[in-house]
Every structure is written in C-alpha cells, then in structure tokens.
Protein backbone atom coordinates (compact mmCIF):
# COMPACT_ATOMS: atom_id res chain seq x y z
CA MET A 1 -32.55 50.26 -57.73
CA ALA A 2 -33.95 48.19 -54.74
CA GLU A 3 -31.93 48.67 -51.95
CA GLU A 4 -29.88 45.65 -50.82
CA ALA A 5 -30.47 43.96 -47.04
CA PRO A 6 -27.43 43.72 -45.71
CA VAL A 7 -25.90 40.14 -45.09
CA VAL A 8 -24.71 38.87 -41.79
CA GLU A 9 -22.18 36.07 -41.84
CA GLU A 10 -21.50 34.48 -38.91
CA ASP A 11 -18.01 34.49 -37.88
CA ILE A 12 -16.65 31.18 -36.77
CA GLY A 13 -13.08 32.88 -35.67
CA PRO A 14 -11.45 33.02 -32.16
CA ALA A 15 -14.30 35.59 -31.27
CA HIS A 16 -16.81 32.99 -30.88
CA SER A 17 -15.02 30.55 -29.82
CA PRO A 18 -15.33 29.30 -25.90
CA LEU A 19 -12.89 31.04 -23.64
CA VAL A 20 -12.12 28.04 -21.90
CA THR A 21 -11.91 24.54 -22.79
CA VAL A 22 -11.56 21.61 -21.07
CA THR A 23 -10.18 18.18 -22.71
CA PHE A 24 -8.75 14.87 -21.60
CA GLN A 25 -5.65 13.76 -22.67
CA LYS A 26 -3.67 10.40 -22.17
CA ASN A 27 -1.11 10.58 -19.45
CA ILE A 28 2.23 9.96 -21.38
CA HIS A 29 4.29 10.02 -18.21
CA ARG A 30 2.12 7.18 -16.24
CA LYS A 31 4.66 4.93 -16.51
CA GLU A 32 7.00 7.18 -14.17
CA LYS A 33 5.08 6.31 -11.46
CA TYR A 34 6.91 3.15 -10.89
CA LEU A 35 9.81 4.70 -10.24
CA GLU A 36 8.26 7.35 -7.22
CA ALA A 37 8.62 3.96 -5.56
CA GLU A 38 12.43 3.11 -5.17
CA PRO A 39 12.10 -0.04 -7.32
CA LYS A 40 15.87 -0.53 -7.13
CA ALA A 41 16.33 -0.06 -3.70
CA LEU A 42 13.10 -2.21 -2.72
CA GLY A 43 14.26 -5.18 -5.19
CA ILE A 44 17.84 -5.24 -3.56
CA THR A 45 16.47 -5.21 0.11
CA GLN A 46 14.05 -7.65 -0.75
CA ILE A 47 16.90 -9.81 -2.45
CA SER A 48 19.21 -9.16 0.52
CA LEU A 49 16.56 -10.11 3.59
CA SER A 50 15.69 -13.55 1.28
CA VAL A 51 18.95 -14.48 1.39
CA PHE A 52 19.99 -13.54 4.95
CA THR A 53 16.75 -15.84 6.06
CA MET A 54 17.43 -18.48 3.80
CA LEU A 55 21.44 -18.59 5.20
CA SER A 56 20.47 -17.80 8.80
CA THR A 57 17.83 -20.70 9.02
CA ILE A 58 20.96 -23.11 6.91
CA VAL A 59 23.06 -21.93 10.16
CA LEU A 60 20.26 -22.56 12.56
CA LEU A 61 19.46 -26.08 11.25
CA ILE A 62 22.09 -27.66 10.59
CA ASN A 63 22.07 -29.67 13.14
CA ARG A 64 18.51 -30.40 13.76
CA ASN A 65 15.97 -32.97 12.30
CA ASP A 66 12.58 -30.81 11.99
CA THR A 67 13.27 -29.87 9.02
CA TYR A 68 9.45 -30.32 7.57
CA ALA A 69 8.73 -26.08 7.71
CA VAL A 70 12.15 -26.12 5.87
CA ILE A 71 11.44 -26.48 2.30
CA PRO A 72 8.47 -24.44 1.57
CA PHE A 73 10.33 -21.67 3.39
CA PHE A 74 12.96 -21.76 1.23
CA ILE A 75 10.94 -22.06 -2.13
CA SER A 76 9.25 -19.03 -0.79
CA SER A 77 12.37 -17.35 -0.22
CA LEU A 78 13.41 -17.93 -3.68
CA LEU A 79 9.96 -16.96 -4.82
CA VAL A 80 10.64 -13.35 -3.28
CA ILE A 81 14.39 -13.18 -4.59
CA ILE A 82 13.09 -13.38 -8.27
CA ALA A 83 10.45 -11.03 -7.28
CA GLY A 84 12.86 -8.36 -6.32
CA SER A 85 15.13 -9.51 -9.15
CA ILE A 86 12.23 -8.44 -11.62
CA ALA A 87 11.70 -5.21 -9.69
CA VAL A 88 15.07 -4.15 -10.53
CA ALA A 89 15.00 -5.19 -14.03
CA ALA A 90 11.43 -3.16 -14.49
CA LYS A 91 13.06 0.04 -13.70
CA ASN A 92 13.81 0.39 -17.36
CA LEU A 93 9.89 0.71 -17.60
CA HIS A 94 9.16 -1.92 -19.72
CA LEU A 95 5.40 -2.72 -19.98
CA PRO A 96 5.71 -6.59 -20.61
CA THR A 97 8.44 -6.11 -17.31
CA LEU A 98 5.96 -4.40 -15.51
CA ARG A 99 3.26 -6.62 -15.89
CA ALA A 100 5.73 -9.61 -15.19
CA CYS A 101 6.91 -7.41 -11.81
CA LEU A 102 2.92 -6.73 -11.16
CA VAL A 103 2.46 -10.82 -11.13
CA MET A 104 5.99 -11.80 -9.20
CA GLN A 105 5.37 -9.04 -6.18
CA LEU A 106 1.56 -10.90 -5.55
CA VAL A 107 3.25 -14.07 -5.62
CA ALA A 108 5.95 -12.66 -3.14
CA CYS A 109 3.01 -11.71 -0.66
CA ALA A 110 1.68 -14.63 -0.82
CA ALA A 111 5.00 -15.88 -0.07
CA SER A 112 5.85 -14.07 2.80
CA ILE A 113 2.61 -15.11 4.17
CA VAL A 114 3.64 -18.37 3.59
CA ASN A 115 6.70 -17.92 5.19
CA ILE A 116 5.37 -16.12 8.38
CA VAL A 117 3.80 -19.47 9.18
CA CYS A 118 6.52 -21.60 8.46
CA THR A 119 8.50 -19.19 10.71
CA LEU A 120 5.45 -19.33 13.24
CA ILE A 121 5.60 -23.41 12.76
CA LYS A 122 9.44 -23.47 13.68
CA ASP A 123 8.86 -21.75 16.48
CA SER A 124 6.21 -23.75 17.91
CA THR A 125 8.76 -26.83 17.82
CA PRO A 126 9.47 -26.95 21.60
CA PHE A 127 13.23 -26.93 22.60
CA TYR A 128 13.78 -28.25 25.51
CA CYS A 129 16.61 -28.31 28.10
CA TRP A 130 16.69 -31.85 29.40
CA ARG A 131 17.97 -32.38 32.96
CA SER A 132 19.52 -35.06 34.65
CA TYR A 133 20.98 -36.18 37.95
CA GLY A 134 24.48 -35.54 36.81
CA MET A 135 24.46 -32.03 35.14
CA ASP A 136 25.53 -28.98 36.89
CA PHE A 137 23.54 -25.71 37.11
CA GLU A 138 25.91 -23.91 34.42
CA TYR A 139 24.65 -26.25 31.88
CA GLY A 140 21.16 -25.72 32.58
CA GLU A 141 21.67 -22.09 32.64
CA ILE A 142 23.35 -22.18 29.15
CA CYS A 143 20.55 -24.15 27.78
CA HIS A 144 17.59 -22.06 28.55
CA LYS A 145 19.98 -18.92 27.16
CA ILE A 146 20.38 -20.69 23.92
CA GLU A 147 16.06 -21.44 24.02
CA ARG A 148 15.66 -17.88 24.59
CA ILE A 149 18.30 -16.89 21.81
CA ASN A 150 16.33 -19.25 19.53
CA SER A 151 13.04 -17.49 20.15
CA HIS A 152 14.37 -14.00 19.75
CA PHE A 153 15.46 -15.40 16.45
CA CYS A 154 11.96 -16.44 15.19
CA ALA A 155 10.74 -13.19 16.13
CA GLY A 156 12.85 -11.78 14.18
CA GLY A 157 12.59 -13.69 11.07
CA VAL A 158 8.87 -12.95 11.37
CA LEU A 159 9.72 -9.73 11.35
CA ILE A 160 11.67 -9.79 8.21
CA GLN A 161 8.68 -11.53 6.60
CA ALA A 162 6.31 -8.78 7.77
CA THR A 163 8.51 -6.28 6.10
CA LEU A 164 9.06 -8.57 2.97
CA PHE A 165 5.45 -8.37 2.91
CA ALA A 166 5.14 -5.02 2.96
CA ILE A 167 7.73 -4.19 0.77
CA SER A 168 5.79 -6.67 -2.12
CA ALA A 169 2.60 -4.71 -1.35
CA THR A 170 3.81 -1.71 -1.86
CA LEU A 171 5.97 -2.44 -5.37
CA ALA A 172 2.62 -4.06 -6.83
CA ALA A 173 0.33 -1.42 -5.48
CA TYR A 174 2.77 1.02 -7.57
CA CYS A 175 2.82 -1.66 -10.62
CA CYS A 176 -0.70 -1.78 -11.11
CA LYS A 177 -0.82 1.92 -10.99
CA VAL A 178 1.10 1.73 -14.49
CA VAL A 179 -0.01 -1.55 -15.72
CA ASN A 180 -3.57 -0.35 -15.12
CA CYS A 181 -5.26 -3.54 -13.82
CA CYS A 182 -7.28 -2.06 -11.43
CA GLY A 183 -9.45 0.28 -13.40
CA PRO A 184 -9.40 2.55 -16.30
CA PRO A 185 -5.86 4.14 -17.52
CA SER A 186 -5.86 7.66 -16.19
CA LYS A 187 -6.34 11.01 -17.96
CA LEU A 188 -4.97 14.41 -17.35
CA PRO A 189 -7.64 16.89 -18.18
CA VAL A 190 -5.68 19.61 -19.97
CA ILE A 191 -7.23 23.35 -19.75
CA THR A 192 -6.86 25.52 -22.54
CA VAL A 193 -7.50 28.94 -22.24
CA GLN A 194 -8.42 31.46 -24.96
CA ALA A 195 -7.55 35.48 -24.68
CA PRO A 196 -10.14 37.24 -25.58
CA PRO A 197 -10.47 38.76 -29.14
CA THR A 198 -8.89 42.50 -29.15
CA GLN A 199 -11.41 44.95 -30.43
CA GLU A 200 -9.92 47.24 -33.15
C-alpha cells in the first residue's frame, strides 16, 4: 500500500480570523443630540422674549406716529414665536418636525437681524425736547430723562434681539446635527476584539 500524504485543511474558525475588527455602524442615538440643546427651555425663552419686546413696543409707541419700522418688527417677532413653538414641539424627536425646526430657526435668525435693524431705526428717530420761553427748568429736565430712558430701552431691545439670534443659531446647529443636512450621516466606529484561541 502506498502511503498517503496527509491532507491539510484550512481551518476557518476563530483561530484564523483577525483579533481586532473595526466596522462602522449608523448612530442610532443621533436624534438625541438635539436634546442636548435643551430645546424646551430655549424655545420658551424665544417665545417669552419675543412677546416681551412686542408688548414693550406697543406700550412705548402707543402715542407716537412713527410706526414705519413697527410692522416688519411685529412680523419678524411672530416668526420667532413660531420658531420657538416648533423648537418645543421638536422635543419628541420626530424627523419631519426636526426639519421644520431647522428651517424655522434659520428664518428666526434672519428675523432677529431684521428686528435689530428695526430697533436701531426706531432708536435713530430723534426724540426732541422742545423749549419754549414759558417753560420752567423742571420740564426740560424731565424731558431729557425721558430721552435717556428711550435710548436705554432701545439698547435693551438690541441686546434682546442679539440673544434671540444666538438662541436661533444654537437650535439650528443642533437640528443640523440631527437632520444631516450639512454632511453625510455620522457613523460610529465599532471595534470588536476577539479573544485569542486557547490551545488544548
């Protein structure tokens, strides 16, 4: 009998597989990134600050005739209120709501810039203290105090609108992370380490 040569079979078990494998998987928790922005708190802040500025403007302009900058101001403020409402509603992480939130936050950024311009236009409208010969000194002093109060109010309005712009930009950035409009969807690297085979 002829001697048979031993046949070597390749084992495809764990001994020949790599010890470390790296794969990329879709991040299933990417929607939760939006919750890191605290959308409920920021949305309520957007709504509150917009309502405050609208009411303050109504109270201060009730007896004035220069309302040419008020109509765009109110329309922009309403857009910011809508954006804040959608930011609160997007807390449920529904993807179409998050997309709507992204669009409205970008609109709210533009609306805040319009409101800053409108506030500066209202502030540039001169408020004159007229003096006549029959007026006393106390009237002039009160008039100048009102002038200073008006300029402080307008500076506060610009500060509030800058805050609303920052809030809108923050929420838009977090929405952009979730919606993946700015790049491909993020994938997480998964590293698998296999134990070396035990020799028996």
